[in-house]
Each structure stands twice: as C-alpha cells, then as structure tokens.
Amino acid sequence: MLSPMQLSKKIQGNDSSQRINYLYQISKKVVEKNPVLSAYYGNLAVSVAKKNVLKIHPDIKRQLCKKCRCMLIDKKSAKVKIKNKKKTKYIQVTCNTCKMTKYFPANKGNNHRLWLENPEAIVEIVN
C-alpha cells in the first residue's frame, strides 16, 4: 500500500487538473449567456495550468479562443466555416467576442493527427 506522500508524487498536479476541468466545464455552460464570463473562466484555467506547469489537453485548447480565452462553440460564441485553400480543406473558426480566427486542417485523404496521437509519441505507459 502506498503512503499519502508516495500517492501525491504519483499523481502530480491532481488538484490542479481537477480545478482546470471544473473551470472548463463552467466556461462551457456559461458561454451562451455571458461570453465575457466564459472568457474569464477560460483564462483562469490556462493560468492554473501555467502556474502548476501542466499541459492542457489539445482538444480543450482547440475549444478556447487563443486571444480572449472564450469557449468556441458553433452558433453560440463562434462561426464555423469550411474553406478550400490550395487543394486542402480547412475549418475556419471565428470567435464572436474578439473576431480572432483559427484554422484547422480537414482533409479526409490525409491523415492529420496531433503529435500526441502518433505511436512514436508514447515513450512509456504508467499504470
């Protein structure tokens, strides 16, 4: 059996991860009624992650505006369009709060994956 000290070392930043998750969920719920409050919670989540040197999951990062940290949800706080540029398709997401635009690749033929999803990114699996 592990002592509380060993357990806290094994799960580094567990409290911070839970707080980031909670702030993310609040930000997602509040975005429709008050986008500025959603941006505040998103900014808090990012600052907690930075302070505790934790990485935010890429799926969560993609849902936050890079400029104002508001939650990007289609038809509520963002406009989503599919664009063609030089034979490649892109998903264009524009924030309604600050008008910042993000582009994501959307080609079916090409296998666009995040680096974390590649098999060579996994060094060791810890249980």
N, C-alpha and C. Protein backbone atom coordinates (compact mmCIF):
# COMPACT_ATOMS: atom_id res chain seq x y z
N MET A 1 0.84 -1.19 0.00
CA MET A 1 0.00 0.00 0.00
C MET A 1 0.88 1.24 0.00
N LEU A 2 0.46 2.25 -0.77
CA LEU A 2 1.24 3.48 -0.88
C LEU A 2 0.86 4.46 0.23
N SER A 3 1.88 5.14 0.74
CA SER A 3 1.62 6.18 1.73
C SER A 3 1.08 7.41 1.02
N PRO A 4 0.46 8.34 1.77
CA PRO A 4 -0.07 9.55 1.13
C PRO A 4 1.01 10.37 0.40
N MET A 5 2.25 10.36 0.91
CA MET A 5 3.33 11.09 0.24
C MET A 5 3.65 10.47 -1.12
N GLN A 6 3.73 9.13 -1.16
CA GLN A 6 4.03 8.44 -2.42
C GLN A 6 2.88 8.62 -3.41
N LEU A 7 1.65 8.60 -2.89
CA LEU A 7 0.49 8.76 -3.75
C LEU A 7 0.46 10.16 -4.37
N SER A 8 0.81 11.18 -3.58
CA SER A 8 0.80 12.55 -4.11
C SER A 8 1.90 12.74 -5.15
N LYS A 9 3.02 12.01 -5.02
CA LYS A 9 4.07 12.10 -6.01
C LYS A 9 3.66 11.40 -7.30
N LYS A 10 2.89 10.30 -7.15
CA LYS A 10 2.47 9.52 -8.32
C LYS A 10 1.49 10.33 -9.18
N ILE A 11 0.58 11.02 -8.54
CA ILE A 11 -0.42 11.80 -9.27
C ILE A 11 -0.06 13.28 -9.07
N GLN A 12 0.85 13.75 -9.89
CA GLN A 12 1.31 15.12 -9.75
C GLN A 12 0.29 16.09 -10.33
N GLY A 13 -0.06 17.12 -9.57
CA GLY A 13 -0.98 18.14 -10.05
C GLY A 13 -2.42 17.67 -10.16
N ASN A 14 -2.82 16.69 -9.35
CA ASN A 14 -4.17 16.15 -9.44
C ASN A 14 -5.21 17.20 -9.06
N ASP A 15 -4.98 17.96 -7.99
CA ASP A 15 -5.91 19.01 -7.59
C ASP A 15 -6.02 20.07 -8.67
N SER A 16 -4.89 20.42 -9.25
CA SER A 16 -4.88 21.44 -10.30
C SER A 16 -5.61 20.94 -11.54
N SER A 17 -5.43 19.67 -11.88
CA SER A 17 -6.13 19.10 -13.04
C SER A 17 -7.64 19.11 -12.82
N GLN A 18 -8.05 18.80 -11.60
CA GLN A 18 -9.48 18.83 -11.30
C GLN A 18 -10.03 20.25 -11.37
N ARG A 19 -9.23 21.22 -10.93
CA ARG A 19 -9.67 22.61 -10.98
C ARG A 19 -9.77 23.09 -12.43
N ILE A 20 -8.80 22.71 -13.25
CA ILE A 20 -8.83 23.08 -14.67
C ILE A 20 -10.07 22.48 -15.33
N ASN A 21 -10.36 21.22 -15.03
CA ASN A 21 -11.53 20.54 -15.58
C ASN A 21 -12.82 21.25 -15.15
N TYR A 22 -12.90 21.64 -13.89
CA TYR A 22 -14.07 22.33 -13.36
C TYR A 22 -14.26 23.68 -14.04
N LEU A 23 -13.16 24.45 -14.18
CA LEU A 23 -13.24 25.75 -14.84
C LEU A 23 -13.63 25.61 -16.31
N TYR A 24 -13.15 24.56 -16.96
CA TYR A 24 -13.51 24.28 -18.36
C TYR A 24 -15.01 24.01 -18.47
N GLN A 25 -15.54 23.20 -17.57
CA GLN A 25 -16.97 22.87 -17.61
C GLN A 25 -17.84 24.09 -17.34
N ILE A 26 -17.43 24.93 -16.39
CA ILE A 26 -18.18 26.16 -16.10
C ILE A 26 -18.15 27.08 -17.32
N SER A 27 -16.98 27.21 -17.92
CA SER A 27 -16.83 28.07 -19.09
C SER A 27 -17.75 27.62 -20.22
N LYS A 28 -17.87 26.32 -20.39
CA LYS A 28 -18.72 25.76 -21.45
C LYS A 28 -20.20 26.00 -21.18
N LYS A 29 -20.61 25.94 -19.91
CA LYS A 29 -22.01 26.15 -19.54
C LYS A 29 -22.42 27.62 -19.65
N VAL A 30 -21.50 28.53 -19.32
CA VAL A 30 -21.82 29.95 -19.21
C VAL A 30 -21.74 30.68 -20.55
N VAL A 31 -21.07 30.09 -21.54
CA VAL A 31 -20.75 30.80 -22.78
C VAL A 31 -21.97 31.36 -23.50
N GLU A 32 -23.09 30.68 -23.46
CA GLU A 32 -24.27 31.13 -24.20
C GLU A 32 -24.87 32.39 -23.56
N LYS A 33 -24.88 32.46 -22.24
CA LYS A 33 -25.49 33.60 -21.55
C LYS A 33 -24.52 34.78 -21.39
N ASN A 34 -23.24 34.47 -21.11
CA ASN A 34 -22.28 35.54 -20.85
C ASN A 34 -20.89 35.14 -21.37
N PRO A 35 -20.55 35.51 -22.61
CA PRO A 35 -19.26 35.11 -23.18
C PRO A 35 -18.06 35.72 -22.46
N VAL A 36 -18.23 36.89 -21.86
CA VAL A 36 -17.13 37.53 -21.14
C VAL A 36 -16.78 36.72 -19.89
N LEU A 37 -17.80 36.22 -19.20
CA LEU A 37 -17.56 35.38 -18.02
C LEU A 37 -16.92 34.06 -18.43
N SER A 38 -17.33 33.54 -19.57
CA SER A 38 -16.72 32.32 -20.11
C SER A 38 -15.23 32.56 -20.39
N ALA A 39 -14.91 33.71 -20.94
CA ALA A 39 -13.52 34.05 -21.22
C ALA A 39 -12.73 34.16 -19.91
N TYR A 40 -13.35 34.69 -18.87
CA TYR A 40 -12.69 34.80 -17.56
C TYR A 40 -12.34 33.42 -17.01
N TYR A 41 -13.30 32.49 -17.08
CA TYR A 41 -13.05 31.13 -16.59
C TYR A 41 -12.01 30.41 -17.45
N GLY A 42 -12.04 30.62 -18.75
CA GLY A 42 -11.03 30.04 -19.63
C GLY A 42 -9.64 30.56 -19.31
N ASN A 43 -9.54 31.86 -19.04
CA ASN A 43 -8.27 32.47 -18.68
C ASN A 43 -7.77 31.93 -17.35
N LEU A 44 -8.69 31.73 -16.40
CA LEU A 44 -8.30 31.13 -15.10
C LEU A 44 -7.75 29.72 -15.29
N ALA A 45 -8.40 28.93 -16.13
CA ALA A 45 -7.95 27.55 -16.37
C ALA A 45 -6.55 27.54 -16.97
N VAL A 46 -6.28 28.41 -17.93
CA VAL A 46 -4.97 28.47 -18.56
C VAL A 46 -3.91 28.94 -17.56
N SER A 47 -4.26 29.92 -16.72
CA SER A 47 -3.28 30.41 -15.74
C SER A 47 -2.99 29.37 -14.66
N VAL A 48 -3.98 28.57 -14.27
CA VAL A 48 -3.74 27.48 -13.30
C VAL A 48 -2.79 26.46 -13.90
N ALA A 49 -3.00 26.13 -15.17
CA ALA A 49 -2.12 25.17 -15.86
C ALA A 49 -0.69 25.70 -15.95
N LYS A 50 -0.54 26.97 -16.28
CA LYS A 50 0.80 27.55 -16.38
C LYS A 50 1.49 27.59 -15.03
N LYS A 51 0.76 27.96 -14.00
CA LYS A 51 1.34 28.08 -12.66
C LYS A 51 1.84 26.74 -12.15
N ASN A 52 1.10 25.67 -12.46
CA ASN A 52 1.47 24.34 -11.98
C ASN A 52 2.23 23.53 -13.02
N VAL A 53 2.64 24.14 -14.10
CA VAL A 53 3.40 23.53 -15.18
C VAL A 53 2.71 22.24 -15.66
N LEU A 54 1.44 22.37 -15.99
CA LEU A 54 0.66 21.26 -16.52
C LEU A 54 0.28 21.57 -17.96
N LYS A 55 0.15 20.53 -18.77
CA LYS A 55 -0.26 20.71 -20.15
C LYS A 55 -1.77 20.50 -20.25
N ILE A 56 -2.42 21.41 -20.96
CA ILE A 56 -3.84 21.27 -21.21
C ILE A 56 -4.01 20.38 -22.43
N HIS A 57 -4.97 19.48 -22.38
CA HIS A 57 -5.22 18.56 -23.49
C HIS A 57 -5.51 19.35 -24.76
N PRO A 58 -4.98 18.90 -25.92
CA PRO A 58 -5.18 19.63 -27.18
C PRO A 58 -6.65 19.84 -27.57
N ASP A 59 -7.52 18.91 -27.21
CA ASP A 59 -8.94 19.08 -27.53
C ASP A 59 -9.54 20.27 -26.77
N ILE A 60 -9.09 20.46 -25.54
CA ILE A 60 -9.56 21.61 -24.75
C ILE A 60 -8.96 22.89 -25.30
N LYS A 61 -7.69 22.84 -25.69
CA LYS A 61 -7.05 24.03 -26.26
C LYS A 61 -7.74 24.48 -27.53
N ARG A 62 -8.18 23.53 -28.33
CA ARG A 62 -8.84 23.87 -29.59
C ARG A 62 -10.19 24.54 -29.36
N GLN A 63 -10.80 24.31 -28.22
CA GLN A 63 -12.10 24.90 -27.94
C GLN A 63 -12.00 26.27 -27.31
N LEU A 64 -10.80 26.70 -26.93
CA LEU A 64 -10.60 28.02 -26.35
C LEU A 64 -10.05 28.98 -27.39
N CYS A 65 -10.57 30.20 -27.39
CA CYS A 65 -10.03 31.23 -28.27
C CYS A 65 -8.63 31.58 -27.77
N LYS A 66 -7.70 31.74 -28.69
CA LYS A 66 -6.32 32.00 -28.32
C LYS A 66 -6.12 33.42 -27.80
N LYS A 67 -6.99 34.33 -28.20
CA LYS A 67 -6.83 35.73 -27.81
C LYS A 67 -7.59 36.05 -26.52
N CYS A 68 -8.90 35.78 -26.50
CA CYS A 68 -9.71 36.18 -25.34
C CYS A 68 -10.05 35.02 -24.40
N ARG A 69 -9.70 33.79 -24.77
CA ARG A 69 -9.92 32.57 -23.98
C ARG A 69 -11.40 32.22 -23.79
N CYS A 70 -12.26 32.74 -24.63
CA CYS A 70 -13.67 32.39 -24.59
C CYS A 70 -13.86 31.00 -25.19
N MET A 71 -14.85 30.27 -24.74
CA MET A 71 -15.14 28.96 -25.27
C MET A 71 -15.73 29.10 -26.67
N LEU A 72 -15.20 28.36 -27.64
CA LEU A 72 -15.66 28.44 -29.02
C LEU A 72 -16.66 27.32 -29.31
N ILE A 73 -17.93 27.68 -29.36
CA ILE A 73 -18.99 26.72 -29.65
C ILE A 73 -19.78 27.26 -30.85
N ASP A 74 -19.99 26.41 -31.84
CA ASP A 74 -20.63 26.81 -33.09
C ASP A 74 -22.03 27.38 -32.84
N LYS A 75 -22.33 28.52 -33.46
CA LYS A 75 -23.61 29.22 -33.43
C LYS A 75 -23.93 29.82 -32.06
N LYS A 76 -23.08 29.66 -31.08
CA LYS A 76 -23.29 30.29 -29.77
C LYS A 76 -22.25 31.38 -29.54
N SER A 77 -20.99 31.04 -29.72
CA SER A 77 -19.93 32.01 -29.49
C SER A 77 -18.92 32.06 -30.63
N ALA A 78 -19.16 31.29 -31.68
CA ALA A 78 -18.22 31.26 -32.80
C ALA A 78 -18.94 30.92 -34.10
N LYS A 79 -18.30 31.32 -35.20
CA LYS A 79 -18.79 30.95 -36.53
C LYS A 79 -17.81 29.94 -37.11
N VAL A 80 -18.34 28.82 -37.61
CA VAL A 80 -17.50 27.77 -38.18
C VAL A 80 -17.82 27.65 -39.67
N LYS A 81 -16.76 27.71 -40.49
CA LYS A 81 -16.90 27.57 -41.94
C LYS A 81 -15.86 26.60 -42.45
N ILE A 82 -16.16 25.96 -43.59
CA ILE A 82 -15.18 25.10 -44.24
C ILE A 82 -14.66 25.85 -45.46
N LYS A 83 -13.36 26.01 -45.52
CA LYS A 83 -12.71 26.77 -46.60
C LYS A 83 -11.78 25.86 -47.39
N ASN A 84 -11.58 26.19 -48.68
CA ASN A 84 -10.63 25.50 -49.53
C ASN A 84 -9.48 26.45 -49.84
N LYS A 85 -8.27 26.02 -49.57
CA LYS A 85 -7.08 26.79 -49.90
C LYS A 85 -6.05 25.85 -50.49
N LYS A 86 -5.67 26.08 -51.73
CA LYS A 86 -4.62 25.30 -52.40
C LYS A 86 -4.86 23.79 -52.30
N LYS A 87 -6.02 23.36 -52.71
CA LYS A 87 -6.40 21.94 -52.76
C LYS A 87 -6.49 21.28 -51.38
N THR A 88 -6.50 22.04 -50.32
CA THR A 88 -6.67 21.48 -48.99
C THR A 88 -7.87 22.14 -48.33
N LYS A 89 -8.56 21.38 -47.52
CA LYS A 89 -9.71 21.92 -46.80
C LYS A 89 -9.30 22.32 -45.39
N TYR A 90 -9.84 23.44 -44.96
CA TYR A 90 -9.59 23.94 -43.62
C TYR A 90 -10.91 24.26 -42.95
N ILE A 91 -10.94 24.06 -41.64
CA ILE A 91 -12.08 24.50 -40.85
C ILE A 91 -11.69 25.85 -40.26
N GLN A 92 -12.48 26.87 -40.56
CA GLN A 92 -12.21 28.21 -40.06
C GLN A 92 -13.17 28.49 -38.91
N VAL A 93 -12.62 28.80 -37.73
CA VAL A 93 -13.42 29.10 -36.55
C VAL A 93 -13.14 30.56 -36.17
N THR A 94 -14.20 31.39 -36.15
CA THR A 94 -14.05 32.80 -35.81
C THR A 94 -14.80 33.09 -34.51
N CYS A 95 -14.10 33.65 -33.56
CA CYS A 95 -14.68 33.99 -32.25
C CYS A 95 -15.59 35.21 -32.42
N ASN A 96 -16.80 35.16 -31.84
CA ASN A 96 -17.73 36.28 -31.93
C ASN A 96 -17.35 37.41 -30.96
N THR A 97 -16.59 37.10 -29.92
CA THR A 97 -16.23 38.10 -28.93
C THR A 97 -15.12 39.02 -29.41
N CYS A 98 -14.01 38.43 -29.91
CA CYS A 98 -12.84 39.23 -30.28
C CYS A 98 -12.51 39.16 -31.77
N LYS A 99 -13.26 38.39 -32.55
CA LYS A 99 -13.08 38.24 -34.00
C LYS A 99 -11.76 37.57 -34.39
N MET A 100 -11.14 36.83 -33.48
CA MET A 100 -9.92 36.07 -33.78
C MET A 100 -10.30 34.84 -34.60
N THR A 101 -9.47 34.47 -35.57
CA THR A 101 -9.75 33.34 -36.45
C THR A 101 -8.71 32.24 -36.27
N LYS A 102 -9.18 31.00 -36.19
CA LYS A 102 -8.31 29.83 -36.10
C LYS A 102 -8.60 28.93 -37.30
N TYR A 103 -7.57 28.25 -37.77
CA TYR A 103 -7.71 27.31 -38.89
C TYR A 103 -7.25 25.93 -38.47
N PHE A 104 -8.02 24.91 -38.85
CA PHE A 104 -7.65 23.52 -38.57
C PHE A 104 -7.73 22.73 -39.87
N PRO A 105 -6.78 21.83 -40.16
CA PRO A 105 -6.84 21.02 -41.38
C PRO A 105 -8.02 20.05 -41.31
N ALA A 106 -8.67 19.83 -42.48
CA ALA A 106 -9.86 18.98 -42.50
C ALA A 106 -9.87 18.04 -43.70
N ASN A 107 -8.73 17.63 -44.21
CA ASN A 107 -8.69 16.72 -45.35
C ASN A 107 -8.99 15.29 -44.91
N LYS A 108 -9.87 14.63 -45.67
CA LYS A 108 -10.17 13.23 -45.35
C LYS A 108 -9.06 12.31 -45.81
N GLY A 109 -8.49 12.57 -46.98
CA GLY A 109 -7.46 11.71 -47.55
C GLY A 109 -6.19 11.70 -46.71
N ASN A 110 -5.77 12.87 -46.29
CA ASN A 110 -4.55 12.96 -45.47
C ASN A 110 -4.87 12.60 -44.03
N ASN A 111 -3.98 11.93 -43.40
CA ASN A 111 -4.18 11.54 -42.02
C ASN A 111 -3.62 12.62 -41.09
N HIS A 112 -4.40 13.66 -40.83
CA HIS A 112 -3.96 14.71 -39.92
C HIS A 112 -4.22 14.26 -38.50
N ARG A 113 -3.14 14.11 -37.75
CA ARG A 113 -3.26 13.74 -36.35
C ARG A 113 -2.38 14.64 -35.53
N LEU A 114 -2.76 14.82 -34.29
CA LEU A 114 -1.90 15.55 -33.37
C LEU A 114 -0.67 14.70 -33.09
N TRP A 115 0.42 15.36 -32.72
CA TRP A 115 1.65 14.63 -32.44
C TRP A 115 1.44 13.65 -31.29
N LEU A 116 0.62 14.02 -30.31
CA LEU A 116 0.37 13.15 -29.16
C LEU A 116 -0.35 11.86 -29.55
N GLU A 117 -1.06 11.88 -30.68
CA GLU A 117 -1.80 10.70 -31.12
C GLU A 117 -0.93 9.72 -31.91
N ASN A 118 0.27 10.13 -32.31
CA ASN A 118 1.17 9.24 -33.05
C ASN A 118 1.78 8.20 -32.13
N PRO A 119 2.01 6.99 -32.63
CA PRO A 119 2.58 5.92 -31.79
C PRO A 119 3.99 6.25 -31.27
N GLU A 120 4.78 7.00 -32.05
CA GLU A 120 6.15 7.29 -31.60
C GLU A 120 6.18 8.33 -30.47
N ALA A 121 5.05 8.97 -30.18
CA ALA A 121 4.99 9.96 -29.11
C ALA A 121 4.94 9.29 -27.74
N ILE A 122 4.49 8.02 -27.69
CA ILE A 122 4.36 7.32 -26.43
C ILE A 122 5.68 6.67 -26.08
N VAL A 123 6.24 7.09 -24.96
CA VAL A 123 7.52 6.54 -24.51
C VAL A 123 7.27 5.40 -23.55
N GLU A 124 6.39 5.63 -22.56
CA GLU A 124 6.14 4.62 -21.55
C GLU A 124 4.72 4.81 -21.02
N ILE A 125 4.03 3.72 -20.78
CA ILE A 125 2.69 3.77 -20.20
C ILE A 125 2.81 3.39 -18.73
N VAL A 126 2.36 4.31 -17.86
CA VAL A 126 2.45 4.10 -16.42
C VAL A 126 1.05 3.83 -15.89
N ASN A 127 0.89 2.74 -15.16
CA ASN A 127 -0.40 2.40 -14.56
C ASN A 127 -0.41 2.71 -13.10
